[in-house]
Amino acid sequence: MNIVFLLIPVAIILVAVAAYALHWSLKSGQFDDMDSPASKILFDDDDDLIPDEAKGISAPQDKSRD
């Protein structure tokens, strides 16, 4: 029975911490845009990382060597 006197305050503190974390996340805008992160992975934004040879594009020739 004595453990109840310890567990009830601990549970109340944990609920208070969870409620504060939820309030902070709502206030700071963590849940404002739920759709963009899911579709952002679909857009290919690594064109500058792919070498020209892999794209099938010939590299520009330096005309100053003529």
C-alpha atoms as a PDB file:
ATOM      1  CA  MET A   1       0.000   0.000   0.000  1.00  0.00           C
ATOM      2  CA  ASN A   2       2.908   2.344   0.636  1.00  0.00           C
ATOM      3  CA  ILE A   3       3.999   2.063  -2.994  1.00  0.00           C
ATOM      4  CA  VAL A   4       0.752   3.741  -4.068  1.00  0.00           C
ATOM      5  CA  PHE A   5       1.837   6.891  -2.266  1.00  0.00           C
ATOM      6  CA  LEU A   6       4.916   6.927  -4.475  1.00  0.00           C
ATOM      7  CA  LEU A   7       3.374   5.827  -7.767  1.00  0.00           C
ATOM      8  CA  ILE A   8       0.486   8.308  -7.815  1.00  0.00           C
ATOM      9  CA  PRO A   9       2.716  11.424  -7.626  1.00  0.00           C
ATOM     10  CA  VAL A  10       5.120   9.907 -10.153  1.00  0.00           C
ATOM     11  CA  ALA A  11       2.228   9.240 -12.535  1.00  0.00           C
ATOM     12  CA  ILE A  12       0.908  12.768 -12.073  1.00  0.00           C
ATOM     13  CA  ILE A  13       4.351  14.196 -12.804  1.00  0.00           C
ATOM     14  CA  LEU A  14       4.682  12.068 -15.953  1.00  0.00           C
ATOM     15  CA  VAL A  15       1.262  13.179 -17.185  1.00  0.00           C
ATOM     16  CA  ALA A  16       2.189  16.805 -16.512  1.00  0.00           C
ATOM     17  CA  VAL A  17       5.442  16.433 -18.460  1.00  0.00           C
ATOM     18  CA  ALA A  18       3.605  14.793 -21.369  1.00  0.00           C
ATOM     19  CA  ALA A  19       0.953  17.533 -21.359  1.00  0.00           C
ATOM     20  CA  TYR A  20       3.656  20.200 -21.355  1.00  0.00           C
ATOM     21  CA  ALA A  21       5.460  18.499 -24.251  1.00  0.00           C
ATOM     22  CA  LEU A  22       2.225  18.327 -26.236  1.00  0.00           C
ATOM     23  CA  HIS A  23       1.445  21.975 -25.495  1.00  0.00           C
ATOM     24  CA  TRP A  24       4.951  23.031 -26.530  1.00  0.00           C
ATOM     25  CA  SER A  25       4.802  21.074 -29.777  1.00  0.00           C
ATOM     26  CA  LEU A  26       1.424  22.539 -30.682  1.00  0.00           C
ATOM     27  CA  LYS A  27       2.522  26.063 -29.814  1.00  0.00           C
ATOM     28  CA  SER A  28       5.799  25.840 -31.738  1.00  0.00           C
ATOM     29  CA  GLY A  29       4.116  24.661 -34.944  1.00  0.00           C
ATOM     30  CA  GLN A  30       5.275  21.068 -35.045  1.00  0.00           C
ATOM     31  CA  PHE A  31       1.945  19.917 -36.468  1.00  0.00           C
ATOM     32  CA  ASP A  32       1.234  22.805 -38.850  1.00  0.00           C
ATOM     33  CA  ASP A  33       2.257  21.106 -42.089  1.00  0.00           C
ATOM     34  CA  MET A  34       1.632  17.385 -42.088  1.00  0.00           C
ATOM     35  CA  ASP A  35       1.528  16.846 -45.879  1.00  0.00           C
ATOM     36  CA  SER A  36       4.728  18.408 -47.207  1.00  0.00           C
ATOM     37  CA  PRO A  37       7.262  16.156 -45.453  1.00  0.00           C
ATOM     38  CA  ALA A  38       5.516  13.067 -46.796  1.00  0.00           C
ATOM     39  CA  SER A  39       5.630  14.246 -50.400  1.00  0.00           C
ATOM     40  CA  LYS A  40       9.019  15.963 -50.232  1.00  0.00           C
ATOM     41  CA  ILE A  41      10.785  12.622 -50.622  1.00  0.00           C
ATOM     42  CA  LEU A  42       9.201  12.203 -54.044  1.00  0.00           C
ATOM     43  CA  PHE A  43      10.855  15.258 -55.568  1.00  0.00           C
ATOM     44  CA  ASP A  44      14.249  14.676 -57.138  1.00  0.00           C
ATOM     45  CA  ASP A  45      16.529  17.452 -55.959  1.00  0.00           C
ATOM     46  CA  ASP A  46      19.889  15.790 -56.410  1.00  0.00           C
ATOM     47  CA  ASP A  47      20.510  16.685 -60.066  1.00  0.00           C
ATOM     48  CA  ASP A  48      23.668  18.576 -59.173  1.00  0.00           C
ATOM     49  CA  LEU A  49      25.065  15.485 -57.421  1.00  0.00           C
ATOM     50  CA  ILE A  50      24.724  13.196 -60.455  1.00  0.00           C
ATOM     51  CA  PRO A  51      27.754  13.340 -62.778  1.00  0.00           C
ATOM     52  CA  ASP A  52      27.121  14.391 -66.379  1.00  0.00           C
ATOM     53  CA  GLU A  53      28.377  11.040 -67.664  1.00  0.00           C
ATOM     54  CA  ALA A  54      25.710   9.216 -65.676  1.00  0.00           C
ATOM     55  CA  LYS A  55      22.992  11.489 -67.039  1.00  0.00           C
ATOM     56  CA  GLY A  56      24.056  10.880 -70.626  1.00  0.00           C
ATOM     57  CA  ILE A  57      24.950  14.518 -71.173  1.00  0.00           C
ATOM     58  CA  SER A  58      28.294  15.266 -72.698  1.00  0.00           C
ATOM     59  CA  ALA A  59      30.460  17.628 -70.714  1.00  0.00           C
ATOM     60  CA  PRO A  60      31.004  21.059 -72.279  1.00  0.00           C
ATOM     61  CA  GLN A  61      34.217  21.211 -74.260  1.00  0.00           C
ATOM     62  CA  ASP A  62      36.789  23.874 -73.525  1.00  0.00           C
ATOM     63  CA  LYS A  63      37.231  25.853 -76.781  1.00  0.00           C
ATOM     64  CA  SER A  64      40.280  27.732 -75.564  1.00  0.00           C
ATOM     65  CA  ARG A  65      42.513  24.768 -76.466  1.00  0.00           C
ATOM     66  CA  ASP A  66      42.087  25.299 -80.235  1.00  0.00           C
END
